[in-house]
Amino acid sequence: MAIKKNEETYEAEFVWAASAFAYRLNDGYVRFVEPDPDNPNKQKELNRNIIRGILNPNKFHPKGTSTVGRQKVESIWKLTKIDYKNGRECRDFVKGLCMRAIACNLNEFEQSAYRISCLDEIRSKDYQAIGLIASMPQYVARATKRESVESIVSEHYGKISERSEIEGKILTVNYSNNYNCYFVTMVTEKDNVLFFSYKNNIDNGAQVKIKGTVKAHKDNGRTQLNRVQILEGWSHENV
């Protein structure tokens, strides 16, 4: 594809490092405008805008500042060796999808991610590529957690319709816009993998004691719960 007028190109490693930096700075992936919990009067920068601010600080800059009258501006966001390391690892993980690509079972999102991970240069006006790379650290983090959960050899917990108190560790928490709730996976000390929906957020890694009813026994020894209450541990409703 031809390079557009006034368009620049950047080494892919630099863009992926910028993505890793944005993910580290925001402590996650910010796609839409949201307040900064450490400063309620200030909004977090979107990850993709942080990347674009690093690539071209003359055009993209933090909210509340101005580039008027400045001919050359250095980015206030400085990449470190760890950002380059994390960026390379993230890109390599996505490139690893090629093994699945050969089997032709990648979804559309993964196909796009794989294609972009193979690029040696990223064009400054390829907003789709920059936006996708911005989301990759979160994608890789979630995929790694899924692999960790899937590696656990689990047996079914309890009997159907049985209600009991259960202690364990939260492994994954994912919010669903469609259902307006969080889907939670946890594991007990005996490696029983349980999953359920919950109205409030819960910290990943939290040790909790819950009360729930066994709804179903699923494949691979997974157990689905419903009517879950958190008795001990941490969730936003307990703050």
Protein backbone atom coordinates (compact mmCIF):
# COMPACT_ATOMS: atom_id res chain seq x y z
CA MET A 1 0.00 0.00 0.00
CA ALA A 2 1.36 3.41 -0.99
CA ILE A 3 2.44 5.81 1.75
CA LYS A 4 0.15 8.81 2.03
CA LYS A 5 1.33 12.42 1.90
CA ASN A 6 2.89 13.62 5.18
CA GLU A 7 2.79 10.06 6.50
CA GLU A 8 5.67 8.63 8.50
CA THR A 9 6.69 5.06 9.19
CA TYR A 10 8.00 3.62 12.46
CA GLU A 11 9.84 0.44 13.31
CA ALA A 12 7.35 -2.11 14.57
CA GLU A 13 9.44 -2.81 17.68
CA PHE A 14 9.11 0.86 18.69
CA VAL A 15 5.31 0.82 18.28
CA TRP A 16 4.92 -2.41 20.26
CA ALA A 17 7.13 -0.99 23.02
CA ALA A 18 4.92 2.12 23.10
CA SER A 19 1.90 -0.16 23.46
CA ALA A 20 3.54 -1.95 26.39
CA PHE A 21 4.30 1.44 27.97
CA ALA A 22 0.68 2.61 27.59
CA TYR A 23 -0.58 -0.61 29.17
CA ARG A 24 1.86 -0.17 32.07
CA LEU A 25 1.03 3.52 32.53
CA ASN A 26 -2.73 2.94 32.60
CA ASP A 27 -2.44 -0.32 34.52
CA GLY A 28 -4.57 -1.86 31.79
CA TYR A 29 -6.21 -1.06 28.48
CA VAL A 30 -8.27 2.14 28.25
CA ARG A 31 -10.32 2.17 25.07
CA PHE A 32 -12.95 4.71 26.04
CA VAL A 33 -12.71 7.86 28.17
CA GLU A 34 -12.79 7.05 31.89
CA PRO A 35 -11.76 8.94 35.06
CA ASP A 36 -8.40 8.33 36.66
CA PRO A 37 -9.07 6.63 40.04
CA ASP A 38 -6.02 8.39 41.50
CA ASN A 39 -7.33 11.77 40.32
CA PRO A 40 -11.14 11.84 39.84
CA ASN A 41 -10.97 15.27 38.19
CA LYS A 42 -8.65 13.98 35.49
CA GLN A 43 -9.43 11.54 32.69
CA LYS A 44 -7.09 8.73 31.72
CA GLU A 45 -5.41 8.93 28.35
CA LEU A 46 -6.58 6.33 25.85
CA ASN A 47 -3.86 3.75 25.18
CA ARG A 48 -3.91 4.41 21.45
CA ASN A 49 -3.45 8.16 22.04
CA ILE A 50 -0.48 7.52 24.31
CA ILE A 51 1.09 5.48 21.52
CA ARG A 52 0.44 8.22 18.98
CA GLY A 53 1.81 10.79 21.43
CA ILE A 54 5.04 8.80 21.71
CA LEU A 55 5.31 8.33 17.95
CA ASN A 56 4.61 11.98 17.13
CA PRO A 57 4.57 14.31 20.17
CA ASN A 58 4.12 17.35 17.88
CA LYS A 59 0.58 16.24 17.02
CA PHE A 60 -0.57 14.25 20.02
CA HIS A 61 -0.09 15.46 23.55
CA PRO A 62 -1.63 14.96 27.03
CA LYS A 63 -5.04 16.45 27.75
CA GLY A 64 -4.81 19.93 29.23
CA THR A 65 -1.57 20.85 27.42
CA SER A 66 -1.03 22.69 24.17
CA THR A 67 1.45 22.43 21.31
CA VAL A 68 0.73 25.99 20.10
CA GLY A 69 3.96 27.90 19.49
CA ARG A 70 6.13 24.82 19.85
CA GLN A 71 7.98 23.72 16.73
CA LYS A 72 9.51 20.60 18.19
CA VAL A 73 8.22 18.78 21.22
CA GLU A 74 9.76 15.87 23.07
CA SER A 75 7.31 13.29 24.38
CA ILE A 76 6.77 13.39 28.14
CA TRP A 77 6.36 9.61 27.93
CA LYS A 78 9.72 7.84 27.98
CA LEU A 79 10.08 4.19 27.03
CA THR A 80 12.27 1.92 29.13
CA LYS A 81 14.06 -1.38 28.49
CA ILE A 82 11.19 -3.22 30.19
CA ASP A 83 8.73 -1.66 27.70
CA TYR A 84 10.78 -2.93 24.77
CA LYS A 85 11.05 -6.35 26.43
CA ASN A 86 7.31 -6.55 27.13
CA GLY A 87 6.52 -5.27 23.66
CA ARG A 88 8.67 -7.97 22.04
CA GLU A 89 7.13 -10.69 24.21
CA CYS A 90 3.62 -9.49 23.38
CA ARG A 91 4.37 -9.40 19.66
CA ASP A 92 6.02 -12.84 19.75
CA PHE A 93 2.97 -14.27 21.52
CA VAL A 94 0.69 -12.95 18.79
CA LYS A 95 3.07 -14.23 16.10
CA GLY A 96 2.73 -17.63 17.74
CA LEU A 97 -0.82 -17.66 16.47
CA CYS A 98 0.68 -18.72 13.13
CA MET A 99 0.50 -22.32 14.29
CA ARG A 100 -3.25 -21.93 14.56
CA ALA A 101 -3.38 -19.85 11.40
CA ILE A 102 -2.08 -22.85 9.47
CA ALA A 103 -5.06 -24.79 10.79
CA CYS A 104 -7.34 -21.92 9.65
CA ASN A 105 -9.17 -21.61 12.94
CA LEU A 106 -8.33 -18.01 13.86
CA ASN A 107 -11.24 -15.65 14.32
CA GLU A 108 -11.31 -12.34 12.44
CA PHE A 109 -9.75 -10.39 15.31
CA GLU A 110 -6.89 -12.88 15.67
CA GLN A 111 -6.27 -12.89 11.91
CA SER A 112 -5.87 -9.09 11.97
CA ALA A 113 -3.64 -9.26 15.05
CA TYR A 114 -1.44 -11.91 13.46
CA ARG A 115 -1.13 -9.94 10.22
CA ILE A 116 -0.09 -6.77 12.05
CA SER A 117 2.40 -8.64 14.27
CA CYS A 118 4.24 -9.68 11.10
CA LEU A 119 4.74 -6.11 9.88
CA ASP A 120 8.26 -4.69 10.20
CA GLU A 121 7.03 -1.09 9.94
CA ILE A 122 3.85 0.68 11.01
CA ARG A 123 2.52 3.71 9.11
CA SER A 124 1.56 6.74 11.20
CA LYS A 125 -1.86 6.95 9.53
CA ASP A 126 -2.62 3.25 9.83
CA TYR A 127 -4.98 3.94 12.71
CA GLN A 128 -6.42 0.44 12.65
CA ALA A 129 -2.98 -1.10 13.18
CA ILE A 130 -2.08 1.34 15.97
CA GLY A 131 -5.43 0.78 17.69
CA LEU A 132 -5.07 -2.98 17.44
CA ILE A 133 -1.52 -2.96 18.78
CA ALA A 134 -2.76 -0.80 21.68
CA SER A 135 -5.15 -3.59 22.67
CA MET A 136 -2.65 -6.44 22.34
CA PRO A 137 -1.15 -6.40 25.88
CA GLN A 138 -4.62 -6.92 27.33
CA TYR A 139 -5.40 -9.63 24.78
CA VAL A 140 -2.17 -11.47 25.62
CA ALA A 141 -2.74 -11.12 29.38
CA ARG A 142 -6.21 -12.62 29.07
CA ALA A 143 -5.06 -15.38 26.73
CA THR A 144 -2.25 -16.30 29.13
CA LYS A 145 -4.72 -16.50 32.01
CA ARG A 146 -7.03 -18.70 29.95
CA GLU A 147 -4.16 -21.06 29.21
CA SER A 148 -3.31 -21.14 32.92
CA VAL A 149 -6.90 -22.02 33.84
CA GLU A 150 -7.18 -24.60 31.09
CA SER A 151 -4.03 -26.36 32.32
CA ILE A 152 -5.65 -27.18 35.70
CA VAL A 153 -6.85 -30.77 35.99
CA SER A 154 -10.20 -30.34 37.75
CA GLU A 155 -12.92 -32.58 39.07
CA HIS A 156 -16.58 -31.61 39.44
CA TYR A 157 -17.50 -29.96 42.70
CA GLY A 158 -20.52 -31.02 44.79
CA LYS A 159 -23.90 -32.24 43.63
CA ILE A 160 -26.36 -30.48 41.36
CA SER A 161 -28.60 -28.06 43.35
CA GLU A 162 -26.38 -28.44 46.42
CA ARG A 163 -25.66 -25.14 48.18
CA SER A 164 -22.45 -24.79 50.17
CA GLU A 165 -19.70 -22.46 51.34
CA ILE A 166 -16.52 -22.63 49.27
CA GLU A 167 -13.07 -21.10 49.71
CA GLY A 168 -10.71 -20.46 46.84
CA LYS A 169 -8.69 -18.07 44.72
CA ILE A 170 -10.06 -15.85 41.95
CA LEU A 171 -8.33 -16.62 38.64
CA THR A 172 -10.11 -14.48 36.06
CA VAL A 173 -12.71 -11.69 36.08
CA ASN A 174 -14.18 -10.44 32.79
CA TYR A 175 -16.94 -7.88 32.41
CA SER A 176 -19.76 -8.53 29.91
CA ASN A 177 -21.49 -5.53 28.36
CA ASN A 178 -24.18 -7.83 26.98
CA TYR A 179 -25.16 -9.19 30.40
CA ASN A 180 -24.04 -6.24 32.56
CA CYS A 181 -22.18 -8.49 35.00
CA TYR A 182 -18.79 -10.06 35.63
CA PHE A 183 -17.93 -13.63 34.69
CA VAL A 184 -15.64 -15.07 37.34
CA THR A 185 -13.44 -18.16 37.46
CA MET A 186 -11.99 -19.45 40.72
CA VAL A 187 -10.11 -22.51 41.93
CA THR A 188 -10.30 -24.31 45.28
CA GLU A 189 -7.39 -25.76 47.26
CA LYS A 190 -8.26 -29.15 45.73
CA ASP A 191 -8.06 -27.70 42.20
CA ASN A 192 -11.80 -27.66 41.56
CA VAL A 193 -12.38 -25.02 38.88
CA LEU A 194 -15.63 -23.10 39.41
CA PHE A 195 -17.21 -20.35 37.38
CA PHE A 196 -20.15 -18.01 37.92
CA SER A 197 -21.57 -14.59 37.10
CA TYR A 198 -21.46 -11.79 39.66
CA LYS A 199 -22.89 -8.26 39.76
CA ASN A 200 -19.76 -6.62 41.24
CA ASN A 201 -16.09 -6.60 40.32
CA ILE A 202 -13.64 -8.80 42.23
CA ASP A 203 -9.87 -8.56 42.36
CA ASN A 204 -7.94 -11.10 40.31
CA GLY A 205 -5.93 -13.25 42.71
CA ALA A 206 -8.18 -12.49 45.70
CA GLN A 207 -8.70 -15.22 48.29
CA VAL A 208 -12.42 -15.45 48.90
CA LYS A 209 -15.05 -17.44 50.71
CA ILE A 210 -18.30 -17.69 48.80
CA LYS A 211 -21.68 -19.32 49.15
CA GLY A 212 -23.20 -20.74 45.98
CA THR A 213 -25.42 -23.38 44.44
CA VAL A 214 -24.10 -25.96 42.00
CA LYS A 215 -25.98 -25.32 38.75
CA ALA A 216 -24.21 -27.64 36.33
CA HIS A 217 -21.23 -29.91 35.79
CA LYS A 218 -19.50 -28.93 32.56
CA ASP A 219 -16.72 -30.41 30.42
CA ASN A 220 -13.17 -30.86 31.75
CA GLY A 221 -14.35 -31.04 35.36
CA ARG A 222 -15.59 -27.45 35.44
CA THR A 223 -18.49 -26.60 37.76
CA GLN A 224 -20.97 -23.78 37.19
CA LEU A 225 -22.45 -22.01 40.21
CA ASN A 226 -25.34 -19.61 40.61
CA ARG A 227 -26.86 -17.49 43.41
CA VAL A 228 -23.33 -16.65 44.56
CA GLN A 229 -22.64 -14.51 47.62
CA ILE A 230 -19.19 -13.40 48.76
CA LEU A 231 -18.91 -14.07 52.49
CA GLU A 232 -15.26 -13.16 52.98
CA GLY A 233 -12.65 -11.64 50.72
CA TRP A 234 -12.71 -8.62 48.49
CA SER A 235 -15.23 -7.19 46.07
CA HIS A 236 -16.41 -3.65 45.33
CA GLU A 237 -19.61 -4.21 47.30
CA ASN A 238 -17.52 -4.74 50.44
CA VAL A 239 -15.71 -1.41 50.22
